[in-house]
Structures are given as C-alpha cells and as structure tokens.
Amino acid sequence: MNYLLLVGLGIIWGSSYMFIRIAVAEVPPITLVASRLVLAAFVLVIVLRATGRPIPRSRKLWGAYAVMGFLSGALPYVLIAWGEQYINSSLAALLQATMPIFTIILALFLVDDERMSWTVVLGVVLGFAGVAVLMLPDLRHGLQASLLGQLAIVASSISYAGATVFARNRLRGQPPLTSTMGQLTTGALFTMPLSLLIDRPFSLSPSPAAIASWLALTILGTVVAYVIYYALIERTSATFVSTVTYVIPIVGLILGALVLHEPVTINLLISTALIIAGVLLVRT
C-alpha cells in the first residue's frame, strides 16, 4: 500500500508540470498561482477544522509560515509558471528534480553540523552536469526566452531548497499539515494583491481545458498530494518518501511526450540520467 501511495504521489506531482503548461497558456502566471494558493489554503483550513486540529495563533509561528509561504509557495510557484510559458513541461519537471542537490549545498553553508562526503560531491557534480547538458544548446544563443525559462525553474529549485533548510531550523516538531496550511495561506496573501493589480483576473475567460488543469493542479497537485505526502511520512519515514524525487521527472517526461507531444531529445535523456544519478548519490 505504501508503495502504491508513493507512486501515486509521484504521478500527481509529475503531472503538475503538464497541468501548469496547459493552464499558463491562457492564465497569467501570478493569477494561476494566486488562485491555486487561495483555493488550496481554503480546503486545508476546512480539513484542519473537520479533523479537530487547531489553527495556530502564535505571531512567531505565523512569521515562520510567511517565510515558507514566500520561499516554498509564492516565489517558486510563480517562477515555475512563468518559466513554463517558454519551455516544455518535461524540461521543467527535470530541472525541478535538482532541488535536493541545492538543499545540500545551502545546508553546507547554513547548517553547522552539515558535512559533505565525496559521494555527495560526486552527486552535486553529476547534477550540475545534467543541468549544463540541458542548457548548453540555448547558452550558445544568448539570453533567449527558453534559456530564461530554464533559469527560472532552476531559481525555483534554489528557493525550495532554501525553504527546506529554513524549515529544519524553524518548523521542526510542528504538525506538518498545519504548517502546510500556514504556508499556503501566506503564499496566497503574497500573490493575490499582485494578481489583482497586474493581471486583472476578472477579465479573463479561460477555456474548459485551462480551468480543468487549474482544478487538477490545485486539488490534486496541492491538497491531495500534501495529504498523501504527510500520511506516508507518518506510516513510513521521510527517507522513504524522499524517493518520490526519482519518480517525478520520469512522469513529467512521459506525460509531456504522450499528452503534449513534446520531443524527447538525446540531451533530455542524458540529462535525466545525470540528474537522477546525482540526486541518488546526494541522498545516500
């Protein structure tokens, strides 16, 4: 059962990049993210109330939630949505898989007891080699839109990595589902005013496909995914659940090719092997 849940989680998160690619063709990135965060936060508040879990009132705790809402919600979500305007969903899923590598690097400088073995060093090198193989064709042509899109996804991975290191220090011992609610709520507060000011979302008229993708991204990719994620942590361990990292880019690659008819190039396959190998070594 645990393995089925893990694969299901990988499929949900891996398919999120496909849904973003479909939705962002008609909905501006900030509005897509803001509406996703608002609905997801609302649903999680209902879940917490229904299960009798209290909503925190501590200002210090909400301050930590705000940092997480920015680093692990508003900023990376917007960067991914913006980047996927210019690159394929499979490429975005693969670049996002570098997050554990950036987490190790940031932890090395920000966490006192963090050490880097030769195995981890090799993993970091392989991960960066995979990113380089992906970006090399576009680097030859300067700062084109596709390269900027890739850089945005890499920046989102760094933001997620920073959030992971921050959470280790500031949210250790806090109920995970409650922390997620706080993160999504503050992320919504960051993005909703920007959406109203910049995008004027009430004038938009997205197609049924874009609306369906947004709903799938919000309900499945955010609410259901986090519920499965934390249920798995309670049933197994964080180490077991972390193996979902290897499933996500593969699902993103397959769905991008089958559903969106994105090309599967030699560069993409080589990069996939290098990045997954790098993440595997970093996690050993």
C-alpha atoms as a PDB file:
ATOM      1  CA  MET A   1       0.000   0.000   0.000  1.00  0.00           C
ATOM      2  CA  ASN A   2       2.805   2.419   0.882  1.00  0.00           C
ATOM      3  CA  TYR A   3       4.495   1.846  -2.475  1.00  0.00           C
ATOM      4  CA  LEU A   4       1.219   2.457  -4.297  1.00  0.00           C
ATOM      5  CA  LEU A   5       0.781   5.740  -2.428  1.00  0.00           C
ATOM      6  CA  LEU A   6       4.371   6.708  -3.255  1.00  0.00           C
ATOM      7  CA  VAL A   7       3.871   6.014  -6.957  1.00  0.00           C
ATOM      8  CA  GLY A   8       0.550   7.869  -6.832  1.00  0.00           C
ATOM      9  CA  LEU A   9       2.275  10.866  -5.257  1.00  0.00           C
ATOM     10  CA  GLY A  10       4.942  10.797  -7.963  1.00  0.00           C
ATOM     11  CA  ILE A  11       2.282  10.676 -10.673  1.00  0.00           C
ATOM     12  CA  ILE A  12       0.350  13.579  -9.123  1.00  0.00           C
ATOM     13  CA  TRP A  13       3.389  15.819  -8.706  1.00  0.00           C
ATOM     14  CA  GLY A  14       4.874  14.741 -12.034  1.00  0.00           C
ATOM     15  CA  SER A  15       1.635  15.579 -13.844  1.00  0.00           C
ATOM     16  CA  SER A  16       1.515  19.038 -12.231  1.00  0.00           C
ATOM     17  CA  TYR A  17       4.015  20.337 -14.789  1.00  0.00           C
ATOM     18  CA  MET A  18       1.727  19.236 -17.617  1.00  0.00           C
ATOM     19  CA  PHE A  19      -1.251  20.968 -15.995  1.00  0.00           C
ATOM     20  CA  ILE A  20       0.781  24.156 -15.479  1.00  0.00           C
ATOM     21  CA  ARG A  21       1.855  24.123 -19.126  1.00  0.00           C
ATOM     22  CA  ILE A  22      -1.774  23.835 -20.272  1.00  0.00           C
ATOM     23  CA  ALA A  23      -3.171  26.436 -17.863  1.00  0.00           C
ATOM     24  CA  VAL A  24      -0.458  29.070 -18.246  1.00  0.00           C
ATOM     25  CA  ALA A  25      -1.146  29.279 -21.973  1.00  0.00           C
ATOM     26  CA  GLU A  26      -4.342  31.161 -21.057  1.00  0.00           C
ATOM     27  CA  VAL A  27      -3.961  32.292 -17.435  1.00  0.00           C
ATOM     28  CA  PRO A  28      -1.132  34.680 -16.394  1.00  0.00           C
ATOM     29  CA  PRO A  29       1.414  33.076 -14.022  1.00  0.00           C
ATOM     30  CA  ILE A  30       0.681  35.228 -10.963  1.00  0.00           C
ATOM     31  CA  THR A  31      -3.078  34.734 -11.253  1.00  0.00           C
ATOM     32  CA  LEU A  32      -2.645  30.997 -11.798  1.00  0.00           C
ATOM     33  CA  VAL A  33      -0.544  30.764  -8.640  1.00  0.00           C
ATOM     34  CA  ALA A  34      -2.702  33.098  -6.529  1.00  0.00           C
ATOM     35  CA  SER A  35      -5.938  31.276  -7.324  1.00  0.00           C
ATOM     36  CA  ARG A  36      -4.238  27.921  -6.744  1.00  0.00           C
ATOM     37  CA  LEU A  37      -2.953  29.002  -3.335  1.00  0.00           C
ATOM     38  CA  VAL A  38      -6.237  30.595  -2.234  1.00  0.00           C
ATOM     39  CA  LEU A  39      -8.334  27.526  -3.037  1.00  0.00           C
ATOM     40  CA  ALA A  40      -5.765  25.072  -1.628  1.00  0.00           C
ATOM     41  CA  ALA A  41      -5.425  27.057   1.615  1.00  0.00           C
ATOM     42  CA  PHE A  42      -9.219  27.241   1.976  1.00  0.00           C
ATOM     43  CA  VAL A  43      -9.575  23.471   1.526  1.00  0.00           C
ATOM     44  CA  LEU A  44      -6.804  22.751   4.048  1.00  0.00           C
ATOM     45  CA  VAL A  45      -8.410  25.040   6.638  1.00  0.00           C
ATOM     46  CA  ILE A  46     -11.617  23.022   6.236  1.00  0.00           C
ATOM     47  CA  VAL A  47      -9.633  19.772   6.602  1.00  0.00           C
ATOM     48  CA  LEU A  48      -7.976  21.021   9.798  1.00  0.00           C
ATOM     49  CA  ARG A  49     -11.313  22.139  11.251  1.00  0.00           C
ATOM     50  CA  ALA A  50     -13.012  18.881  10.299  1.00  0.00           C
ATOM     51  CA  THR A  51     -10.280  16.821  11.974  1.00  0.00           C
ATOM     52  CA  GLY A  52     -10.287  18.938  15.139  1.00  0.00           C
ATOM     53  CA  ARG A  53      -6.807  20.374  14.664  1.00  0.00           C
ATOM     54  CA  PRO A  54      -6.332  23.936  15.959  1.00  0.00           C
ATOM     55  CA  ILE A  55      -5.329  26.878  13.777  1.00  0.00           C
ATOM     56  CA  PRO A  56      -2.141  28.392  15.286  1.00  0.00           C
ATOM     57  CA  ARG A  57      -2.303  31.914  16.734  1.00  0.00           C
ATOM     58  CA  SER A  58       1.372  32.483  17.548  1.00  0.00           C
ATOM     59  CA  ARG A  59       2.819  35.529  15.742  1.00  0.00           C
ATOM     60  CA  LYS A  60       6.257  33.931  15.763  1.00  0.00           C
ATOM     61  CA  LEU A  61       4.881  30.811  14.116  1.00  0.00           C
ATOM     62  CA  TRP A  62       2.996  32.811  11.507  1.00  0.00           C
ATOM     63  CA  GLY A  63       6.207  34.722  10.817  1.00  0.00           C
ATOM     64  CA  ALA A  64       7.872  31.408  10.015  1.00  0.00           C
ATOM     65  CA  TYR A  65       4.880  30.443   7.880  1.00  0.00           C
ATOM     66  CA  ALA A  66       5.279  33.713   5.959  1.00  0.00           C
ATOM     67  CA  VAL A  67       8.905  32.906   5.132  1.00  0.00           C
ATOM     68  CA  MET A  68       7.839  29.433   3.992  1.00  0.00           C
ATOM     69  CA  GLY A  69       4.902  30.891   2.080  1.00  0.00           C
ATOM     70  CA  PHE A  70       7.320  33.024   0.103  1.00  0.00           C
ATOM     71  CA  LEU A  71      10.210  30.559  -0.356  1.00  0.00           C
ATOM     72  CA  SER A  72       8.144  27.393  -0.822  1.00  0.00           C
ATOM     73  CA  GLY A  73       4.923  28.840  -2.202  1.00  0.00           C
ATOM     74  CA  ALA A  74       4.628  32.212  -3.892  1.00  0.00           C
ATOM     75  CA  LEU A  75       8.128  32.583  -5.368  1.00  0.00           C
ATOM     76  CA  PRO A  76       8.776  29.083  -6.769  1.00  0.00           C
ATOM     77  CA  TYR A  77       5.195  28.628  -7.969  1.00  0.00           C
ATOM     78  CA  VAL A  78       5.374  31.895  -9.930  1.00  0.00           C
ATOM     79  CA  LEU A  79       8.838  31.086 -11.301  1.00  0.00           C
ATOM     80  CA  ILE A  80       7.694  27.658 -12.495  1.00  0.00           C
ATOM     81  CA  ALA A  81       4.514  29.008 -14.091  1.00  0.00           C
ATOM     82  CA  TRP A  82       6.424  31.860 -15.745  1.00  0.00           C
ATOM     83  CA  GLY A  83       9.174  29.532 -16.953  1.00  0.00           C
ATOM     84  CA  GLU A  84       6.715  27.063 -18.458  1.00  0.00           C
ATOM     85  CA  GLN A  85       5.479  29.754 -20.812  1.00  0.00           C
ATOM     86  CA  TYR A  86       8.763  29.274 -22.671  1.00  0.00           C
ATOM     87  CA  ILE A  87       9.897  25.685 -22.055  1.00  0.00           C
ATOM     88  CA  ASN A  88       8.340  22.231 -22.195  1.00  0.00           C
ATOM     89  CA  SER A  89       6.756  20.692 -19.114  1.00  0.00           C
ATOM     90  CA  SER A  90       9.120  17.699 -19.219  1.00  0.00           C
ATOM     91  CA  LEU A  91      12.124  20.016 -19.097  1.00  0.00           C
ATOM     92  CA  ALA A  92      10.628  21.895 -16.137  1.00  0.00           C
ATOM     93  CA  ALA A  93       9.990  18.649 -14.233  1.00  0.00           C
ATOM     94  CA  LEU A  94      13.575  17.539 -14.784  1.00  0.00           C
ATOM     95  CA  LEU A  95      15.148  20.848 -13.730  1.00  0.00           C
ATOM     96  CA  GLN A  96      12.983  20.863 -10.605  1.00  0.00           C
ATOM     97  CA  ALA A  97      14.464  17.490  -9.641  1.00  0.00           C
ATOM     98  CA  THR A  98      17.725  19.279  -8.787  1.00  0.00           C
ATOM     99  CA  MET A  99      16.203  20.661  -5.570  1.00  0.00           C
ATOM    100  CA  PRO A 100      17.875  18.079  -3.240  1.00  0.00           C
ATOM    101  CA  ILE A 101      21.253  18.995  -4.724  1.00  0.00           C
ATOM    102  CA  PHE A 102      20.766  22.697  -3.966  1.00  0.00           C
ATOM    103  CA  THR A 103      19.489  21.777  -0.495  1.00  0.00           C
ATOM    104  CA  ILE A 104      22.763  20.008   0.283  1.00  0.00           C
ATOM    105  CA  ILE A 105      24.792  22.995  -0.945  1.00  0.00           C
ATOM    106  CA  LEU A 106      22.792  25.540   1.081  1.00  0.00           C
ATOM    107  CA  ALA A 107      22.833  23.335   4.180  1.00  0.00           C
ATOM    108  CA  LEU A 108      26.607  23.135   3.934  1.00  0.00           C
ATOM    109  CA  PHE A 109      26.821  26.903   4.450  1.00  0.00           C
ATOM    110  CA  LEU A 110      23.810  27.459   6.709  1.00  0.00           C
ATOM    111  CA  VAL A 111      23.697  24.382   8.966  1.00  0.00           C
ATOM    112  CA  ASP A 112      26.514  23.976  11.478  1.00  0.00           C
ATOM    113  CA  ASP A 113      26.753  20.179  11.568  1.00  0.00           C
ATOM    114  CA  GLU A 114      26.338  19.593   7.816  1.00  0.00           C
ATOM    115  CA  ARG A 115      29.227  17.748   6.145  1.00  0.00           C
ATOM    116  CA  MET A 116      29.832  16.851   2.501  1.00  0.00           C
ATOM    117  CA  SER A 117      31.302  13.431   1.665  1.00  0.00           C
ATOM    118  CA  TRP A 118      32.977  12.537  -1.617  1.00  0.00           C
ATOM    119  CA  THR A 119      29.813  10.685  -2.624  1.00  0.00           C
ATOM    120  CA  VAL A 120      27.781  13.856  -2.137  1.00  0.00           C
ATOM    121  CA  VAL A 121      30.378  15.906  -4.042  1.00  0.00           C
ATOM    122  CA  LEU A 122      30.106  13.487  -6.967  1.00  0.00           C
ATOM    123  CA  GLY A 123      26.312  13.728  -6.805  1.00  0.00           C
ATOM    124  CA  VAL A 124      26.461  17.530  -6.945  1.00  0.00           C
ATOM    125  CA  VAL A 125      28.851  17.408  -9.913  1.00  0.00           C
ATOM    126  CA  LEU A 126      26.616  14.958 -11.794  1.00  0.00           C
ATOM    127  CA  GLY A 127      23.539  17.068 -11.062  1.00  0.00           C
ATOM    128  CA  PHE A 128      25.145  20.233 -12.373  1.00  0.00           C
ATOM    129  CA  ALA A 129      26.450  18.317 -15.389  1.00  0.00           C
ATOM    130  CA  GLY A 130      22.868  17.287 -16.146  1.00  0.00           C
ATOM    131  CA  VAL A 131      21.701  20.902 -15.943  1.00  0.00           C
ATOM    132  CA  ALA A 132      24.593  22.006 -18.168  1.00  0.00           C
ATOM    133  CA  VAL A 133      23.718  19.414 -20.818  1.00  0.00           C
ATOM    134  CA  LEU A 134      20.141  20.738 -20.850  1.00  0.00           C
ATOM    135  CA  MET A 135      21.096  24.392 -21.080  1.00  0.00           C
ATOM    136  CA  LEU A 136      24.091  24.145 -23.424  1.00  0.00           C
ATOM    137  CA  PRO A 137      22.132  24.430 -26.697  1.00  0.00           C
ATOM    138  CA  ASP A 138      20.407  27.628 -25.510  1.00  0.00           C
ATOM    139  CA  LEU A 139      23.554  29.082 -23.920  1.00  0.00           C
ATOM    140  CA  ARG A 140      25.112  29.218 -27.380  1.00  0.00           C
ATOM    141  CA  HIS A 141      22.404  31.645 -28.493  1.00  0.00           C
ATOM    142  CA  GLY A 142      22.485  34.026 -25.521  1.00  0.00           C
ATOM    143  CA  LEU A 143      19.646  35.019 -23.200  1.00  0.00           C
ATOM    144  CA  GLN A 144      16.715  33.837 -25.264  1.00  0.00           C
ATOM    145  CA  ALA A 145      13.287  33.210 -23.749  1.00  0.00           C
ATOM    146  CA  SER A 146      13.834  29.444 -23.493  1.00  0.00           C
ATOM    147  CA  LEU A 147      17.061  29.914 -21.533  1.00  0.00           C
ATOM    148  CA  LEU A 148      15.390  32.425 -19.211  1.00  0.00           C
ATOM    149  CA  GLY A 149      12.588  29.922 -18.677  1.00  0.00           C
ATOM    150  CA  GLN A 150      15.104  27.253 -17.678  1.00  0.00           C
ATOM    151  CA  LEU A 151      16.884  29.662 -15.336  1.00  0.00           C
ATOM    152  CA  ALA A 152      13.524  30.475 -13.710  1.00  0.00           C
ATOM    153  CA  ILE A 153      12.939  26.774 -12.968  1.00  0.00           C
ATOM    154  CA  VAL A 154      16.446  26.409 -11.522  1.00  0.00           C
ATOM    155  CA  ALA A 155      15.805  29.500  -9.374  1.00  0.00           C
ATOM    156  CA  SER A 156      12.597  27.877  -8.113  1.00  0.00           C
ATOM    157  CA  SER A 157      14.608  24.802  -7.098  1.00  0.00           C
ATOM    158  CA  ILE A 158      17.000  27.019  -5.141  1.00  0.00           C
ATOM    159  CA  SER A 159      14.027  28.706  -3.457  1.00  0.00           C
ATOM    160  CA  TYR A 160      12.567  25.326  -2.458  1.00  0.00           C
ATOM    161  CA  ALA A 161      15.986  24.299  -1.145  1.00  0.00           C
ATOM    162  CA  GLY A 162      16.182  27.443   0.988  1.00  0.00           C
ATOM    163  CA  ALA A 163      12.719  26.705   2.368  1.00  0.00           C
ATOM    164  CA  THR A 164      13.778  23.160   3.257  1.00  0.00           C
ATOM    165  CA  VAL A 165      16.810  24.377   5.209  1.00  0.00           C
ATOM    166  CA  PHE A 166      14.718  27.073   6.928  1.00  0.00           C
ATOM    167  CA  ALA A 167      12.017  24.568   7.907  1.00  0.00           C
ATOM    168  CA  ARG A 168      14.605  22.299   9.525  1.00  0.00           C
ATOM    169  CA  ASN A 169      15.512  25.073  11.942  1.00  0.00           C
ATOM    170  CA  ARG A 170      12.242  26.953  12.467  1.00  0.00           C
ATOM    171  CA  LEU A 171       9.415  24.444  11.979  1.00  0.00           C
ATOM    172  CA  ARG A 172      10.910  21.314  13.471  1.00  0.00           C
ATOM    173  CA  GLY A 173       8.283  19.491  15.535  1.00  0.00           C
ATOM    174  CA  GLN A 174       5.331  21.447  14.120  1.00  0.00           C
ATOM    175  CA  PRO A 175       2.345  19.471  12.732  1.00  0.00           C
ATOM    176  CA  PRO A 176       3.137  19.129   9.003  1.00  0.00           C
ATOM    177  CA  LEU A 177      -0.397  19.629   7.695  1.00  0.00           C
ATOM    178  CA  THR A 178      -0.834  22.740   9.847  1.00  0.00           C
ATOM    179  CA  SER A 179       2.477  24.120   8.590  1.00  0.00           C
ATOM    180  CA  THR A 180       1.380  23.496   5.012  1.00  0.00           C
ATOM    181  CA  MET A 181      -1.868  25.381   5.643  1.00  0.00           C
ATOM    182  CA  GLY A 182       0.113  28.324   7.033  1.00  0.00           C
ATOM    183  CA  GLN A 183       2.500  28.231   4.097  1.00  0.00           C
ATOM    184  CA  LEU A 184      -0.296  28.182   1.516  1.00  0.00           C
ATOM    185  CA  THR A 185      -2.271  30.908   3.310  1.00  0.00           C
ATOM    186  CA  THR A 186       0.656  33.326   3.492  1.00  0.00           C
ATOM    187  CA  GLY A 187       1.637  32.457  -0.077  1.00  0.00           C
ATOM    188  CA  ALA A 188      -1.881  33.427  -1.146  1.00  0.00           C
ATOM    189  CA  LEU A 189      -1.556  36.736   0.722  1.00  0.00           C
ATOM    190  CA  PHE A 190       1.665  37.476  -1.184  1.00  0.00           C
ATOM    191  CA  THR A 191       0.290  36.703  -4.634  1.00  0.00           C
ATOM    192  CA  MET A 192      -3.381  37.705  -4.595  1.00  0.00           C
ATOM    193  CA  PRO A 193      -2.790  41.505  -4.413  1.00  0.00           C
ATOM    194  CA  LEU A 194      -0.276  41.227  -7.275  1.00  0.00           C
ATOM    195  CA  SER A 195      -2.769  39.257  -9.332  1.00  0.00           C
ATOM    196  CA  LEU A 196      -5.487  41.868  -8.809  1.00  0.00           C
ATOM    197  CA  LEU A 197      -3.160  44.779  -9.597  1.00  0.00           C
ATOM    198  CA  ILE A 198      -1.239  43.324 -12.540  1.00  0.00           C
ATOM    199  CA  ASP A 199      -3.396  40.709 -14.256  1.00  0.00           C
ATOM    200  CA  ARG A 200      -6.965  41.922 -13.591  1.00  0.00           C
ATOM    201  CA  PRO A 201      -8.111  38.293 -13.458  1.00  0.00           C
ATOM    202  CA  PHE A 202     -11.855  39.013 -13.584  1.00  0.00           C
ATOM    203  CA  SER A 203     -11.491  39.958 -17.245  1.00  0.00           C
ATOM    204  CA  LEU A 204     -10.032  36.555 -18.139  1.00  0.00           C
ATOM    205  CA  SER A 205     -12.111  33.880 -19.880  1.00  0.00           C
ATOM    206  CA  PRO A 206     -10.064  30.660 -19.841  1.00  0.00           C
ATOM    207  CA  SER A 207     -11.180  27.603 -21.774  1.00  0.00           C
ATOM    208  CA  PRO A 208     -12.598  24.478 -20.091  1.00  0.00           C
ATOM    209  CA  ALA A 209      -9.218  22.765 -20.594  1.00  0.00           C
ATOM    210  CA  ALA A 210      -7.401  25.552 -18.738  1.00  0.00           C
ATOM    211  CA  ILE A 211      -9.967  25.526 -15.905  1.00  0.00           C
ATOM    212  CA  ALA A 212      -9.753  21.733 -15.605  1.00  0.00           C
ATOM    213  CA  SER A 213      -5.948  21.936 -15.488  1.00  0.00           C
ATOM    214  CA  TRP A 214      -6.113  24.605 -12.779  1.00  0.00           C
ATOM    215  CA  LEU A 215      -8.507  22.496 -10.700  1.00  0.00           C
ATOM    216  CA  ALA A 216      -6.332  19.397 -11.107  1.00  0.00           C
ATOM    217  CA  LEU A 217      -3.256  21.414 -10.186  1.00  0.00           C
ATOM    218  CA  THR A 218      -4.940  22.853  -7.099  1.00  0.00           C
ATOM    219  CA  ILE A 219      -6.884  19.896  -5.733  1.00  0.00           C
ATOM    220  CA  LEU A 220      -4.635  17.027  -6.815  1.00  0.00           C
ATOM    221  CA  GLY A 221      -1.240  18.692  -7.123  1.00  0.00           C
ATOM    222  CA  THR A 222      -1.521  20.677  -3.896  1.00  0.00           C
ATOM    223  CA  VAL A 223      -4.157  19.447  -1.421  1.00  0.00           C
ATOM    224  CA  VAL A 224      -4.322  15.707  -2.169  1.00  0.00           C
ATOM    225  CA  ALA A 225      -0.576  15.483  -2.777  1.00  0.00           C
ATOM    226  CA  TYR A 226       0.296  17.028   0.595  1.00  0.00           C
ATOM    227  CA  VAL A 227      -2.206  14.811   2.416  1.00  0.00           C
ATOM    228  CA  ILE A 228      -0.631  11.711   0.818  1.00  0.00           C
ATOM    229  CA  TYR A 229       2.865  13.053   1.481  1.00  0.00           C
ATOM    230  CA  TYR A 230       2.341  13.540   5.208  1.00  0.00           C
ATOM    231  CA  ALA A 231       0.340  10.318   5.544  1.00  0.00           C
ATOM    232  CA  LEU A 232       3.308   8.464   4.059  1.00  0.00           C
ATOM    233  CA  ILE A 233       5.732  10.176   6.438  1.00  0.00           C
ATOM    234  CA  GLU A 234       3.591   9.065   9.378  1.00  0.00           C
ATOM    235  CA  ARG A 235       3.316   5.495   8.023  1.00  0.00           C
ATOM    236  CA  THR A 236       6.936   5.103   6.874  1.00  0.00           C
ATOM    237  CA  SER A 237       9.779   7.634   7.055  1.00  0.00           C
ATOM    238  CA  ALA A 238      10.963  10.846   5.427  1.00  0.00           C
ATOM    239  CA  THR A 239      13.750   8.883   3.714  1.00  0.00           C
ATOM    240  CA  PHE A 240      11.251   6.507   2.095  1.00  0.00           C
ATOM    241  CA  VAL A 241       9.043   9.372   0.931  1.00  0.00           C
ATOM    242  CA  SER A 242      12.028  11.276  -0.490  1.00  0.00           C
ATOM    243  CA  THR A 243      12.391   8.597  -3.174  1.00  0.00           C
ATOM    244  CA  VAL A 244       9.425  10.242  -4.918  1.00  0.00           C
ATOM    245  CA  THR A 245      12.079  12.616  -6.292  1.00  0.00           C
ATOM    246  CA  TYR A 246      13.085   9.926  -8.780  1.00  0.00           C
ATOM    247  CA  VAL A 247       9.519   9.319  -9.969  1.00  0.00           C
ATOM    248  CA  ILE A 248       8.506  12.937 -10.657  1.00  0.00           C
ATOM    249  CA  PRO A 249      10.822  13.754 -13.616  1.00  0.00           C
ATOM    250  CA  ILE A 250      10.107  10.393 -15.259  1.00  0.00           C
ATOM    251  CA  VAL A 251       6.347  11.004 -15.038  1.00  0.00           C
ATOM    252  CA  GLY A 252       6.842  14.550 -16.323  1.00  0.00           C
ATOM    253  CA  LEU A 253       8.871  13.248 -19.263  1.00  0.00           C
ATOM    254  CA  ILE A 254       6.324  10.552 -20.175  1.00  0.00           C
ATOM    255  CA  LEU A 255       3.256  12.803 -19.895  1.00  0.00           C
ATOM    256  CA  GLY A 256       4.961  15.618 -21.772  1.00  0.00           C
ATOM    257  CA  ALA A 257       5.700  13.256 -24.655  1.00  0.00           C
ATOM    258  CA  LEU A 258       2.388  11.356 -24.708  1.00  0.00           C
ATOM    259  CA  VAL A 259      -0.117  14.119 -23.901  1.00  0.00           C
ATOM    260  CA  LEU A 260       1.555  17.338 -25.039  1.00  0.00           C
ATOM    261  CA  HIS A 261       3.645  15.720 -27.809  1.00  0.00           C
ATOM    262  CA  GLU A 262       6.855  17.271 -26.513  1.00  0.00           C
ATOM    263  CA  PRO A 263      10.053  15.998 -28.161  1.00  0.00           C
ATOM    264  CA  VAL A 264      12.266  13.547 -26.276  1.00  0.00           C
ATOM    265  CA  THR A 265      15.795  14.510 -27.292  1.00  0.00           C
ATOM    266  CA  ILE A 266      19.125  12.829 -26.609  1.00  0.00           C
ATOM    267  CA  ASN A 267      20.095  15.818 -24.448  1.00  0.00           C
ATOM    268  CA  LEU A 268      16.960  15.345 -22.353  1.00  0.00           C
ATOM    269  CA  LEU A 269      17.617  11.628 -21.810  1.00  0.00           C
ATOM    270  CA  ILE A 270      21.283  12.182 -20.899  1.00  0.00           C
ATOM    271  CA  SER A 271      20.324  14.977 -18.503  1.00  0.00           C
ATOM    272  CA  THR A 272      17.646  12.802 -16.902  1.00  0.00           C
ATOM    273  CA  ALA A 273      20.190  10.063 -16.207  1.00  0.00           C
ATOM    274  CA  LEU A 274      22.784  12.515 -14.841  1.00  0.00           C
ATOM    275  CA  ILE A 275      20.384  14.431 -12.583  1.00  0.00           C
ATOM    276  CA  ILE A 276      18.688  11.326 -11.157  1.00  0.00           C
ATOM    277  CA  ALA A 277      22.102   9.735 -10.536  1.00  0.00           C
ATOM    278  CA  GLY A 278      23.245  12.942  -8.841  1.00  0.00           C
ATOM    279  CA  VAL A 279      20.185  13.098  -6.601  1.00  0.00           C
ATOM    280  CA  LEU A 280      20.604   9.405  -5.744  1.00  0.00           C
ATOM    281  CA  LEU A 281      24.209   9.980  -4.632  1.00  0.00           C
ATOM    282  CA  VAL A 282      23.315  13.121  -2.679  1.00  0.00           C
ATOM    283  CA  ARG A 283      20.649  11.207  -0.756  1.00  0.00           C
ATOM    284  CA  THR A 284      22.876   8.223   0.142  1.00  0.00           C
END
